[in-house]
N, C-alpha and C. Protein backbone atom coordinates (compact mmCIF):
# COMPACT_ATOMS: atom_id res chain seq x y z
N MET A 1 -166.93 3.29 -77.27
CA MET A 1 -167.71 2.61 -76.24
C MET A 1 -166.76 1.84 -75.33
N LEU A 2 -167.12 1.75 -74.07
CA LEU A 2 -166.23 1.16 -73.09
C LEU A 2 -166.55 -0.28 -72.73
N ARG A 3 -167.49 -0.91 -73.39
CA ARG A 3 -167.92 -2.26 -72.99
C ARG A 3 -166.74 -3.23 -72.94
N ARG A 4 -166.96 -4.33 -72.27
CA ARG A 4 -165.91 -5.33 -72.02
C ARG A 4 -165.60 -6.13 -73.27
N ALA A 5 -164.36 -6.17 -73.59
CA ALA A 5 -163.80 -7.04 -74.62
C ALA A 5 -162.40 -7.37 -74.11
N PRO A 6 -161.80 -8.45 -74.56
CA PRO A 6 -160.45 -8.73 -74.09
C PRO A 6 -159.54 -7.53 -74.36
N PRO A 7 -158.62 -7.24 -73.45
CA PRO A 7 -157.77 -6.07 -73.66
C PRO A 7 -156.82 -6.28 -74.84
N ASP A 8 -156.74 -5.28 -75.69
CA ASP A 8 -155.79 -5.28 -76.79
C ASP A 8 -155.39 -3.83 -77.04
N LEU A 9 -154.25 -3.63 -77.66
CA LEU A 9 -153.74 -2.27 -77.88
C LEU A 9 -154.73 -1.40 -78.64
N THR A 10 -155.23 -1.90 -79.76
CA THR A 10 -156.13 -1.10 -80.58
C THR A 10 -157.39 -0.73 -79.80
N GLY A 11 -157.98 -1.71 -79.12
CA GLY A 11 -159.20 -1.44 -78.36
C GLY A 11 -159.01 -0.43 -77.26
N LEU A 12 -157.91 -0.55 -76.51
CA LEU A 12 -157.69 0.37 -75.39
C LEU A 12 -157.34 1.77 -75.89
N PHE A 13 -156.51 1.89 -76.91
CA PHE A 13 -156.20 3.22 -77.45
C PHE A 13 -157.43 3.84 -78.11
N SER A 14 -158.27 3.02 -78.76
CA SER A 14 -159.43 3.57 -79.47
C SER A 14 -160.46 4.18 -78.52
N ILE A 15 -160.46 3.76 -77.27
CA ILE A 15 -161.37 4.38 -76.29
C ILE A 15 -161.18 5.89 -76.29
N PHE A 16 -159.95 6.33 -76.50
CA PHE A 16 -159.62 7.75 -76.44
C PHE A 16 -159.49 8.39 -77.82
N GLY A 17 -160.00 7.69 -78.84
CA GLY A 17 -160.05 8.27 -80.18
C GLY A 17 -158.79 8.15 -81.00
N THR A 18 -157.85 7.33 -80.58
CA THR A 18 -156.62 7.15 -81.36
C THR A 18 -156.96 6.37 -82.63
N PRO A 19 -156.70 6.96 -83.81
CA PRO A 19 -156.97 6.23 -85.05
C PRO A 19 -156.11 4.96 -85.12
N VAL A 20 -156.62 3.94 -85.77
CA VAL A 20 -155.94 2.64 -85.86
C VAL A 20 -154.51 2.80 -86.36
N GLU A 21 -154.29 3.66 -87.36
CA GLU A 21 -152.95 3.82 -87.93
C GLU A 21 -151.98 4.50 -86.96
N GLU A 22 -152.47 5.07 -85.86
CA GLU A 22 -151.60 5.71 -84.88
C GLU A 22 -151.40 4.86 -83.61
N VAL A 23 -152.05 3.70 -83.56
CA VAL A 23 -151.83 2.80 -82.43
C VAL A 23 -150.43 2.23 -82.56
N PRO A 24 -149.67 2.20 -81.46
CA PRO A 24 -148.30 1.67 -81.56
C PRO A 24 -148.28 0.22 -82.04
N HIS A 25 -147.30 -0.11 -82.83
CA HIS A 25 -147.12 -1.49 -83.31
C HIS A 25 -146.44 -2.30 -82.21
N ALA A 26 -146.90 -3.53 -81.99
CA ALA A 26 -146.33 -4.37 -80.93
C ALA A 26 -146.00 -5.76 -81.47
N ARG A 27 -144.96 -6.33 -80.88
CA ARG A 27 -144.60 -7.74 -81.09
C ARG A 27 -144.74 -8.42 -79.74
N PHE A 28 -145.36 -9.58 -79.74
CA PHE A 28 -145.62 -10.29 -78.49
C PHE A 28 -144.52 -11.30 -78.23
N PHE A 29 -144.18 -11.46 -76.94
CA PHE A 29 -143.08 -12.32 -76.54
C PHE A 29 -143.46 -13.16 -75.33
N PRO A 30 -142.89 -14.37 -75.22
CA PRO A 30 -143.01 -15.09 -73.95
C PRO A 30 -142.12 -14.40 -72.92
N PRO A 31 -142.44 -14.53 -71.63
CA PRO A 31 -141.66 -13.84 -70.59
C PRO A 31 -140.16 -14.06 -70.69
N ALA A 32 -139.73 -15.27 -71.02
CA ALA A 32 -138.30 -15.58 -71.07
C ALA A 32 -137.56 -14.75 -72.12
N ASP A 33 -138.27 -14.25 -73.13
CA ASP A 33 -137.64 -13.49 -74.20
C ASP A 33 -137.67 -11.98 -73.97
N VAL A 34 -138.28 -11.53 -72.88
CA VAL A 34 -138.32 -10.10 -72.57
C VAL A 34 -137.06 -9.77 -71.77
N PRO A 35 -136.28 -8.77 -72.22
CA PRO A 35 -135.03 -8.45 -71.52
C PRO A 35 -135.29 -7.81 -70.15
N GLN A 36 -134.29 -7.93 -69.29
CA GLN A 36 -134.33 -7.26 -68.00
C GLN A 36 -134.04 -5.78 -68.20
N PRO A 37 -134.54 -4.88 -67.41
CA PRO A 37 -135.35 -5.11 -66.22
C PRO A 37 -136.83 -5.29 -66.52
N TYR A 38 -137.20 -5.25 -67.82
CA TYR A 38 -138.62 -5.25 -68.18
C TYR A 38 -139.32 -6.55 -67.83
N ARG A 39 -138.60 -7.68 -67.90
CA ARG A 39 -139.22 -8.95 -67.51
C ARG A 39 -139.71 -8.88 -66.07
N ASP A 40 -138.84 -8.40 -65.16
CA ASP A 40 -139.25 -8.30 -63.76
C ASP A 40 -140.35 -7.26 -63.55
N LEU A 41 -140.36 -6.22 -64.37
CA LEU A 41 -141.37 -5.17 -64.23
C LEU A 41 -142.74 -5.59 -64.78
N LEU A 42 -142.76 -6.59 -65.66
CA LEU A 42 -144.00 -6.92 -66.36
C LEU A 42 -144.51 -8.34 -66.12
N ALA A 43 -143.64 -9.30 -65.94
CA ALA A 43 -144.03 -10.71 -65.85
C ALA A 43 -144.28 -11.09 -64.39
N HIS A 44 -145.38 -10.61 -63.86
CA HIS A 44 -145.74 -10.89 -62.46
C HIS A 44 -147.24 -10.70 -62.30
N ASP A 45 -147.75 -11.06 -61.14
CA ASP A 45 -149.18 -10.87 -60.89
C ASP A 45 -149.42 -9.92 -59.71
N ASN A 46 -148.55 -8.92 -59.62
CA ASN A 46 -148.67 -7.90 -58.58
C ASN A 46 -149.22 -6.62 -59.18
N HIS A 47 -149.65 -5.71 -58.31
CA HIS A 47 -150.07 -4.40 -58.79
C HIS A 47 -148.87 -3.64 -59.34
N MET A 48 -149.04 -3.04 -60.49
CA MET A 48 -147.95 -2.30 -61.12
C MET A 48 -147.53 -1.11 -60.27
N THR A 49 -148.44 -0.51 -59.53
CA THR A 49 -148.09 0.62 -58.67
C THR A 49 -146.96 0.23 -57.72
N VAL A 50 -147.12 -0.88 -57.03
CA VAL A 50 -146.13 -1.35 -56.07
C VAL A 50 -144.83 -1.72 -56.78
N THR A 51 -144.93 -2.37 -57.91
CA THR A 51 -143.75 -2.76 -58.69
C THR A 51 -142.97 -1.53 -59.16
N MET A 52 -143.67 -0.52 -59.65
CA MET A 52 -143.00 0.69 -60.13
C MET A 52 -142.35 1.44 -58.98
N GLU A 53 -143.00 1.48 -57.82
CA GLU A 53 -142.39 2.17 -56.68
C GLU A 53 -141.09 1.49 -56.25
N ALA A 54 -141.08 0.17 -56.26
CA ALA A 54 -139.85 -0.55 -55.92
C ALA A 54 -138.77 -0.27 -56.97
N HIS A 55 -139.16 -0.20 -58.23
CA HIS A 55 -138.20 0.02 -59.32
C HIS A 55 -137.58 1.41 -59.26
N VAL A 56 -138.40 2.44 -59.02
CA VAL A 56 -137.87 3.81 -59.03
C VAL A 56 -137.38 4.25 -57.65
N GLY A 57 -137.65 3.45 -56.62
CA GLY A 57 -137.20 3.78 -55.27
C GLY A 57 -137.91 4.97 -54.68
N SER A 58 -139.15 5.15 -55.06
CA SER A 58 -139.92 6.31 -54.62
C SER A 58 -141.41 6.01 -54.74
N THR A 59 -142.20 6.71 -53.97
CA THR A 59 -143.64 6.69 -54.17
C THR A 59 -143.92 7.23 -55.57
N VAL A 60 -144.97 6.72 -56.23
CA VAL A 60 -145.36 7.27 -57.52
C VAL A 60 -146.67 8.02 -57.36
N ASP A 61 -146.77 9.11 -58.11
CA ASP A 61 -147.99 9.92 -58.12
C ASP A 61 -148.72 9.72 -59.43
N LEU A 62 -150.03 9.82 -59.35
CA LEU A 62 -150.91 9.63 -60.50
C LEU A 62 -151.10 10.95 -61.25
N GLU A 63 -150.96 10.90 -62.57
CA GLU A 63 -151.32 12.02 -63.44
C GLU A 63 -152.30 11.47 -64.47
N VAL A 64 -153.53 11.94 -64.44
CA VAL A 64 -154.53 11.50 -65.40
C VAL A 64 -154.45 12.39 -66.63
N ILE A 65 -154.19 11.78 -67.77
CA ILE A 65 -154.12 12.50 -69.04
C ILE A 65 -155.52 12.77 -69.55
N ARG A 66 -156.36 11.74 -69.47
CA ARG A 66 -157.74 11.86 -69.95
C ARG A 66 -158.55 10.74 -69.34
N ASP A 67 -159.83 11.01 -69.07
CA ASP A 67 -160.71 9.95 -68.61
C ASP A 67 -162.07 10.07 -69.27
N ILE A 68 -162.78 8.95 -69.29
CA ILE A 68 -164.10 8.85 -69.90
C ILE A 68 -164.96 7.99 -68.98
N ARG A 69 -166.20 8.40 -68.78
CA ARG A 69 -167.10 7.62 -67.93
C ARG A 69 -168.42 7.39 -68.66
N GLU A 70 -168.78 6.11 -68.79
CA GLU A 70 -170.05 5.67 -69.34
C GLU A 70 -170.54 4.58 -68.41
N ASP A 71 -171.27 4.97 -67.35
CA ASP A 71 -171.67 4.02 -66.31
C ASP A 71 -172.14 2.71 -66.89
N PRO A 72 -171.70 1.59 -66.35
CA PRO A 72 -170.84 1.42 -65.19
C PRO A 72 -169.34 1.43 -65.53
N TRP A 73 -169.00 1.80 -66.76
CA TRP A 73 -167.62 1.76 -67.23
C TRP A 73 -166.90 3.08 -66.99
N TYR A 74 -165.61 2.97 -66.77
CA TYR A 74 -164.75 4.13 -66.59
C TYR A 74 -163.39 3.79 -67.20
N ALA A 75 -162.83 4.71 -67.95
CA ALA A 75 -161.51 4.48 -68.54
C ALA A 75 -160.66 5.72 -68.33
N ARG A 76 -159.36 5.48 -68.16
CA ARG A 76 -158.46 6.62 -68.07
C ARG A 76 -157.10 6.25 -68.64
N LYS A 77 -156.46 7.28 -69.18
CA LYS A 77 -155.10 7.19 -69.69
C LYS A 77 -154.25 7.96 -68.68
N ILE A 78 -153.16 7.33 -68.21
CA ILE A 78 -152.43 7.90 -67.08
C ILE A 78 -150.92 7.85 -67.27
N LEU A 79 -150.26 8.63 -66.43
CA LEU A 79 -148.83 8.51 -66.20
C LEU A 79 -148.65 8.31 -64.71
N LEU A 80 -147.69 7.47 -64.34
CA LEU A 80 -147.22 7.41 -62.96
C LEU A 80 -145.87 8.09 -62.95
N ARG A 81 -145.70 9.03 -62.03
CA ARG A 81 -144.45 9.80 -61.92
C ARG A 81 -143.80 9.54 -60.57
N SER A 82 -142.48 9.45 -60.58
CA SER A 82 -141.72 9.33 -59.34
C SER A 82 -141.91 10.62 -58.55
N ARG A 83 -142.32 10.48 -57.31
CA ARG A 83 -142.48 11.67 -56.47
C ARG A 83 -141.14 12.36 -56.25
N ASP A 84 -140.06 11.58 -56.13
CA ASP A 84 -138.75 12.16 -55.87
C ASP A 84 -138.19 12.93 -57.07
N SER A 85 -138.24 12.34 -58.25
CA SER A 85 -137.59 12.95 -59.41
C SER A 85 -138.57 13.66 -60.35
N GLY A 86 -139.84 13.31 -60.29
CA GLY A 86 -140.81 13.86 -61.23
C GLY A 86 -140.81 13.18 -62.58
N ARG A 87 -139.86 12.24 -62.78
CA ARG A 87 -139.78 11.51 -64.06
C ARG A 87 -140.96 10.56 -64.22
N VAL A 88 -141.39 10.41 -65.45
CA VAL A 88 -142.44 9.44 -65.76
C VAL A 88 -141.87 8.05 -65.54
N ALA A 89 -142.58 7.25 -64.77
CA ALA A 89 -142.19 5.87 -64.51
C ALA A 89 -142.99 4.90 -65.37
N MET A 90 -144.24 5.29 -65.74
CA MET A 90 -145.09 4.37 -66.48
C MET A 90 -146.20 5.14 -67.19
N PHE A 91 -146.56 4.65 -68.36
CA PHE A 91 -147.75 5.08 -69.12
C PHE A 91 -148.75 3.95 -69.01
N GLY A 92 -150.02 4.28 -68.85
CA GLY A 92 -151.01 3.22 -68.78
C GLY A 92 -152.38 3.63 -69.26
N ILE A 93 -153.16 2.63 -69.61
CA ILE A 93 -154.58 2.80 -69.91
C ILE A 93 -155.33 1.77 -69.08
N MET A 94 -156.41 2.22 -68.45
CA MET A 94 -157.23 1.38 -67.59
C MET A 94 -158.68 1.49 -68.04
N ARG A 95 -159.37 0.34 -68.10
CA ARG A 95 -160.82 0.31 -68.34
C ARG A 95 -161.43 -0.50 -67.22
N PHE A 96 -162.30 0.12 -66.42
CA PHE A 96 -162.82 -0.46 -65.18
C PHE A 96 -164.33 -0.57 -65.25
N ASN A 97 -164.86 -1.74 -64.90
CA ASN A 97 -166.30 -1.93 -64.76
C ASN A 97 -166.63 -1.74 -63.27
N PHE A 98 -167.25 -0.61 -62.93
CA PHE A 98 -167.52 -0.28 -61.55
C PHE A 98 -168.60 -1.15 -60.89
N GLU A 99 -169.22 -2.04 -61.64
CA GLU A 99 -170.18 -2.97 -61.04
C GLU A 99 -169.49 -3.89 -60.03
N TRP A 100 -168.16 -4.01 -60.12
CA TRP A 100 -167.43 -4.96 -59.29
C TRP A 100 -166.69 -4.31 -58.12
N CYS A 101 -167.09 -3.09 -57.75
CA CYS A 101 -166.48 -2.46 -56.59
C CYS A 101 -167.52 -1.62 -55.85
N SER A 102 -167.17 -1.22 -54.65
CA SER A 102 -168.08 -0.40 -53.84
C SER A 102 -168.11 1.03 -54.37
N ASP A 103 -169.14 1.76 -53.95
CA ASP A 103 -169.24 3.17 -54.32
C ASP A 103 -168.04 3.95 -53.77
N GLU A 104 -167.59 3.58 -52.58
CA GLU A 104 -166.45 4.25 -51.97
C GLU A 104 -165.19 4.08 -52.82
N VAL A 105 -164.94 2.87 -53.30
CA VAL A 105 -163.78 2.62 -54.15
C VAL A 105 -163.93 3.38 -55.47
N ARG A 106 -165.12 3.31 -56.06
CA ARG A 106 -165.38 4.04 -57.32
C ARG A 106 -165.10 5.53 -57.14
N ASP A 107 -165.63 6.12 -56.07
CA ASP A 107 -165.46 7.55 -55.86
C ASP A 107 -164.00 7.93 -55.68
N GLU A 108 -163.25 7.07 -55.02
CA GLU A 108 -161.83 7.36 -54.82
C GLU A 108 -161.06 7.24 -56.14
N ILE A 109 -161.44 6.29 -56.98
CA ILE A 109 -160.78 6.14 -58.28
C ILE A 109 -161.03 7.37 -59.14
N ILE A 110 -162.27 7.82 -59.21
CA ILE A 110 -162.56 8.95 -60.10
C ILE A 110 -162.11 10.29 -59.51
N ALA A 111 -161.69 10.31 -58.25
CA ALA A 111 -161.15 11.53 -57.65
C ALA A 111 -159.75 11.84 -58.17
N HIS A 112 -159.07 10.85 -58.75
CA HIS A 112 -157.74 11.03 -59.37
C HIS A 112 -156.66 11.45 -58.37
N THR A 113 -156.76 11.00 -57.13
CA THR A 113 -155.76 11.42 -56.15
C THR A 113 -154.66 10.39 -55.92
N ARG A 114 -154.95 9.10 -56.22
CA ARG A 114 -153.95 8.06 -55.96
C ARG A 114 -154.03 7.00 -57.04
N PRO A 115 -152.92 6.27 -57.26
CA PRO A 115 -152.94 5.18 -58.23
C PRO A 115 -153.92 4.07 -57.83
N LEU A 116 -154.43 3.38 -58.83
CA LEU A 116 -155.41 2.31 -58.64
C LEU A 116 -154.92 1.24 -57.67
N GLY A 117 -153.68 0.80 -57.81
CA GLY A 117 -153.16 -0.26 -56.95
C GLY A 117 -153.28 0.07 -55.49
N HIS A 118 -152.94 1.29 -55.12
CA HIS A 118 -153.04 1.69 -53.71
C HIS A 118 -154.48 1.66 -53.22
N ILE A 119 -155.40 2.09 -54.05
CA ILE A 119 -156.81 2.13 -53.66
C ILE A 119 -157.33 0.71 -53.43
N LEU A 120 -157.07 -0.19 -54.37
CA LEU A 120 -157.57 -1.56 -54.23
C LEU A 120 -156.95 -2.27 -53.03
N ILE A 121 -155.66 -2.05 -52.81
CA ILE A 121 -154.99 -2.67 -51.66
C ILE A 121 -155.56 -2.12 -50.36
N GLU A 122 -155.68 -0.80 -50.26
CA GLU A 122 -156.18 -0.18 -49.02
C GLU A 122 -157.59 -0.63 -48.68
N HIS A 123 -158.44 -0.80 -49.69
CA HIS A 123 -159.83 -1.19 -49.46
C HIS A 123 -160.00 -2.70 -49.42
N ASP A 124 -158.89 -3.42 -49.49
CA ASP A 124 -158.90 -4.87 -49.41
C ASP A 124 -159.88 -5.51 -50.39
N VAL A 125 -159.89 -4.96 -51.61
CA VAL A 125 -160.71 -5.54 -52.66
C VAL A 125 -160.06 -6.87 -53.04
N MET A 126 -160.82 -7.94 -52.98
CA MET A 126 -160.29 -9.24 -53.37
C MET A 126 -159.94 -9.18 -54.86
N ARG A 127 -158.67 -9.47 -55.18
CA ARG A 127 -158.24 -9.27 -56.54
C ARG A 127 -157.23 -10.34 -56.96
N ARG A 128 -157.22 -10.57 -58.26
CA ARG A 128 -156.24 -11.43 -58.89
C ARG A 128 -155.86 -10.75 -60.19
N ILE A 129 -154.60 -10.72 -60.50
CA ILE A 129 -154.14 -10.06 -61.71
C ILE A 129 -153.66 -11.12 -62.69
N SER A 130 -154.20 -11.07 -63.89
CA SER A 130 -153.84 -12.02 -64.93
C SER A 130 -153.18 -11.27 -66.09
N THR A 131 -151.93 -11.61 -66.37
CA THR A 131 -151.22 -11.00 -67.50
C THR A 131 -151.56 -11.80 -68.75
N HIS A 132 -152.06 -11.11 -69.77
CA HIS A 132 -152.44 -11.76 -71.03
C HIS A 132 -151.29 -11.80 -72.03
N ALA A 133 -150.51 -10.72 -72.06
CA ALA A 133 -149.46 -10.63 -73.08
C ALA A 133 -148.36 -9.68 -72.64
N LEU A 134 -147.14 -10.05 -72.98
CA LEU A 134 -145.99 -9.17 -72.84
C LEU A 134 -145.57 -8.79 -74.25
N MET A 135 -145.16 -7.55 -74.43
CA MET A 135 -144.87 -7.11 -75.79
C MET A 135 -143.78 -6.06 -75.84
N GLN A 136 -143.13 -6.02 -76.99
CA GLN A 136 -142.20 -4.95 -77.34
C GLN A 136 -142.99 -4.01 -78.22
N ILE A 137 -142.89 -2.70 -77.93
CA ILE A 137 -143.74 -1.72 -78.60
C ILE A 137 -142.88 -0.65 -79.25
N ARG A 138 -143.20 -0.38 -80.52
CA ARG A 138 -142.57 0.76 -81.20
C ARG A 138 -143.39 1.99 -80.79
N PRO A 139 -142.77 2.94 -80.07
CA PRO A 139 -143.53 4.07 -79.55
C PRO A 139 -144.17 4.92 -80.65
N ASN A 140 -145.43 5.28 -80.43
CA ASN A 140 -146.08 6.24 -81.30
C ASN A 140 -145.77 7.64 -80.76
N SER A 141 -146.31 8.67 -81.38
CA SER A 141 -145.99 10.04 -80.97
C SER A 141 -146.41 10.31 -79.52
N GLU A 142 -147.50 9.71 -79.08
CA GLU A 142 -147.94 9.92 -77.70
C GLU A 142 -146.94 9.33 -76.70
N LEU A 143 -146.46 8.13 -76.94
CA LEU A 143 -145.48 7.51 -76.04
C LEU A 143 -144.13 8.24 -76.12
N ILE A 144 -143.75 8.69 -77.31
CA ILE A 144 -142.51 9.46 -77.45
C ILE A 144 -142.58 10.70 -76.57
N GLY A 145 -143.73 11.38 -76.59
CA GLY A 145 -143.91 12.56 -75.76
C GLY A 145 -143.97 12.24 -74.28
N ALA A 146 -144.70 11.19 -73.92
CA ALA A 146 -144.86 10.82 -72.51
C ALA A 146 -143.52 10.47 -71.88
N PHE A 147 -142.68 9.75 -72.63
CA PHE A 147 -141.39 9.31 -72.09
C PHE A 147 -140.23 10.23 -72.48
N ASP A 148 -140.53 11.34 -73.16
CA ASP A 148 -139.51 12.29 -73.60
C ASP A 148 -138.41 11.58 -74.38
N LEU A 149 -138.82 10.88 -75.44
CA LEU A 149 -137.88 10.10 -76.26
C LEU A 149 -137.46 10.83 -77.53
N HIS A 150 -137.65 12.15 -77.58
CA HIS A 150 -137.29 12.94 -78.77
C HIS A 150 -135.78 12.94 -78.95
N HIS A 151 -135.36 12.83 -80.21
CA HIS A 151 -133.94 12.87 -80.55
C HIS A 151 -133.73 13.97 -81.57
N ASP A 152 -132.81 14.88 -81.30
CA ASP A 152 -132.51 15.96 -82.24
C ASP A 152 -131.86 15.45 -83.51
N ASP A 153 -131.17 14.31 -83.41
CA ASP A 153 -130.44 13.79 -84.57
C ASP A 153 -131.31 12.93 -85.48
N GLY A 154 -132.60 12.83 -85.19
CA GLY A 154 -133.50 12.05 -86.03
C GLY A 154 -133.44 10.56 -85.80
N ALA A 155 -132.70 10.10 -84.80
CA ALA A 155 -132.59 8.67 -84.51
C ALA A 155 -133.95 8.13 -84.04
N GLU A 156 -134.15 6.88 -84.32
CA GLU A 156 -135.38 6.21 -83.88
C GLU A 156 -135.42 6.15 -82.35
N PRO A 157 -136.59 6.35 -81.77
CA PRO A 157 -136.68 6.20 -80.31
C PRO A 157 -136.50 4.73 -79.93
N PRO A 158 -136.08 4.49 -78.70
CA PRO A 158 -135.92 3.09 -78.29
C PRO A 158 -137.26 2.39 -78.20
N MET A 159 -137.23 1.08 -78.38
CA MET A 159 -138.43 0.28 -78.19
C MET A 159 -138.76 0.28 -76.70
N VAL A 160 -140.03 0.12 -76.40
CA VAL A 160 -140.47 0.02 -75.01
C VAL A 160 -141.16 -1.33 -74.85
N TYR A 161 -141.37 -1.73 -73.62
CA TYR A 161 -142.01 -3.01 -73.34
C TYR A 161 -143.25 -2.76 -72.48
N GLY A 162 -144.24 -3.60 -72.65
CA GLY A 162 -145.47 -3.43 -71.90
C GLY A 162 -146.20 -4.74 -71.70
N ARG A 163 -147.32 -4.62 -71.00
CA ARG A 163 -148.16 -5.80 -70.80
C ARG A 163 -149.63 -5.42 -70.90
N LEU A 164 -150.42 -6.39 -71.32
CA LEU A 164 -151.87 -6.33 -71.27
C LEU A 164 -152.29 -7.26 -70.16
N ALA A 165 -153.15 -6.78 -69.26
CA ALA A 165 -153.54 -7.57 -68.10
C ALA A 165 -154.98 -7.27 -67.72
N THR A 166 -155.53 -8.15 -66.91
CA THR A 166 -156.87 -7.95 -66.35
C THR A 166 -156.78 -8.15 -64.84
N ILE A 167 -157.42 -7.25 -64.11
CA ILE A 167 -157.57 -7.42 -62.66
C ILE A 167 -158.97 -7.98 -62.42
N TYR A 168 -159.01 -9.10 -61.72
CA TYR A 168 -160.28 -9.72 -61.34
C TYR A 168 -160.59 -9.25 -59.92
N CYS A 169 -161.73 -8.60 -59.74
CA CYS A 169 -162.18 -8.14 -58.43
C CYS A 169 -163.33 -9.03 -57.98
N ASN A 170 -163.16 -9.66 -56.84
CA ASN A 170 -164.17 -10.59 -56.32
C ASN A 170 -164.55 -11.63 -57.37
N GLY A 171 -163.55 -12.10 -58.14
CA GLY A 171 -163.75 -13.15 -59.11
C GLY A 171 -164.20 -12.71 -60.49
N ALA A 172 -164.53 -11.43 -60.67
CA ALA A 172 -165.03 -10.95 -61.96
C ALA A 172 -163.96 -10.13 -62.68
N PRO A 173 -163.89 -10.23 -64.01
CA PRO A 173 -162.92 -9.44 -64.76
C PRO A 173 -163.33 -7.97 -64.76
N ALA A 174 -162.79 -7.20 -63.84
CA ALA A 174 -163.27 -5.83 -63.61
C ALA A 174 -162.42 -4.76 -64.29
N VAL A 175 -161.10 -4.98 -64.43
CA VAL A 175 -160.21 -3.92 -64.91
C VAL A 175 -159.30 -4.48 -65.99
N ASP A 176 -159.31 -3.86 -67.16
CA ASP A 176 -158.37 -4.18 -68.22
C ASP A 176 -157.28 -3.13 -68.23
N LEU A 177 -156.05 -3.56 -68.45
CA LEU A 177 -154.90 -2.66 -68.32
C LEU A 177 -153.93 -2.80 -69.48
N LEU A 178 -153.37 -1.67 -69.86
CA LEU A 178 -152.15 -1.60 -70.67
C LEU A 178 -151.16 -0.87 -69.78
N GLU A 179 -150.00 -1.48 -69.53
CA GLU A 179 -149.00 -0.89 -68.65
C GLU A 179 -147.65 -0.91 -69.36
N ILE A 180 -147.04 0.27 -69.49
CA ILE A 180 -145.78 0.41 -70.21
C ILE A 180 -144.80 1.17 -69.33
N PRO A 181 -143.82 0.48 -68.72
CA PRO A 181 -142.81 1.18 -67.94
C PRO A 181 -141.94 2.07 -68.84
N ALA A 182 -141.46 3.15 -68.28
CA ALA A 182 -140.56 4.03 -69.03
C ALA A 182 -139.27 3.27 -69.35
N PRO A 183 -138.71 3.50 -70.54
CA PRO A 183 -137.44 2.84 -70.85
C PRO A 183 -136.33 3.39 -69.97
N ASP A 184 -135.37 2.52 -69.63
CA ASP A 184 -134.23 2.94 -68.82
C ASP A 184 -133.22 3.68 -69.66
C-alpha cells in the first residue's frame, strides 16, 4: 500500500515487494560525518536532479525501473543516467501523493519522460525539500546491479551513501524520496 508514512528504507523498498531481509542495511550519520563528495550531493535542500546534473556535468535522463499507482498515490523506482556517458548517476524511490499537484503535473510525471525535479521546477510548483536522514548503505543485490558494483574477485562492493527526504508541495508533504548517488 502506498499511503503516507514517514519515509524509511524498509517502507519505500517494500512498496515494490522487496522482502525485509533484502532491504539494504543503513547506518545514519550527521552531515558533518558524511565524506565528500557525498555530503555535497546529499546534505542540501535542492532538487536532486539539478544536483546530479552539476555533479556529472551532463543532463540526466530518467529510467523508470518500476512504478505503481493507487490513486491518489504513485510510486516509482528509478535510475538517473548521464546523457553524455550513459552511466547511472543515481538510484531512487519516489512516493507521490497526487492530491498536491495539478492534473498536468501528474500526467507529465506518469509519462516517464523527464525527472521529477525538472517537472516541478518548470511548472513552478511551490516546494520545499526537507532531508530527514543521511546514511551509509551496504548495497543489496539490486543496488549492486544498478551501479554495476560486481567484483570478479569476490570483494565486497563499496558502501554507498543516500538520503531520505520529503518534498513539500504548496505546504503539504507530497513526495517521499530515497536518493542514492552512484559511488565514485
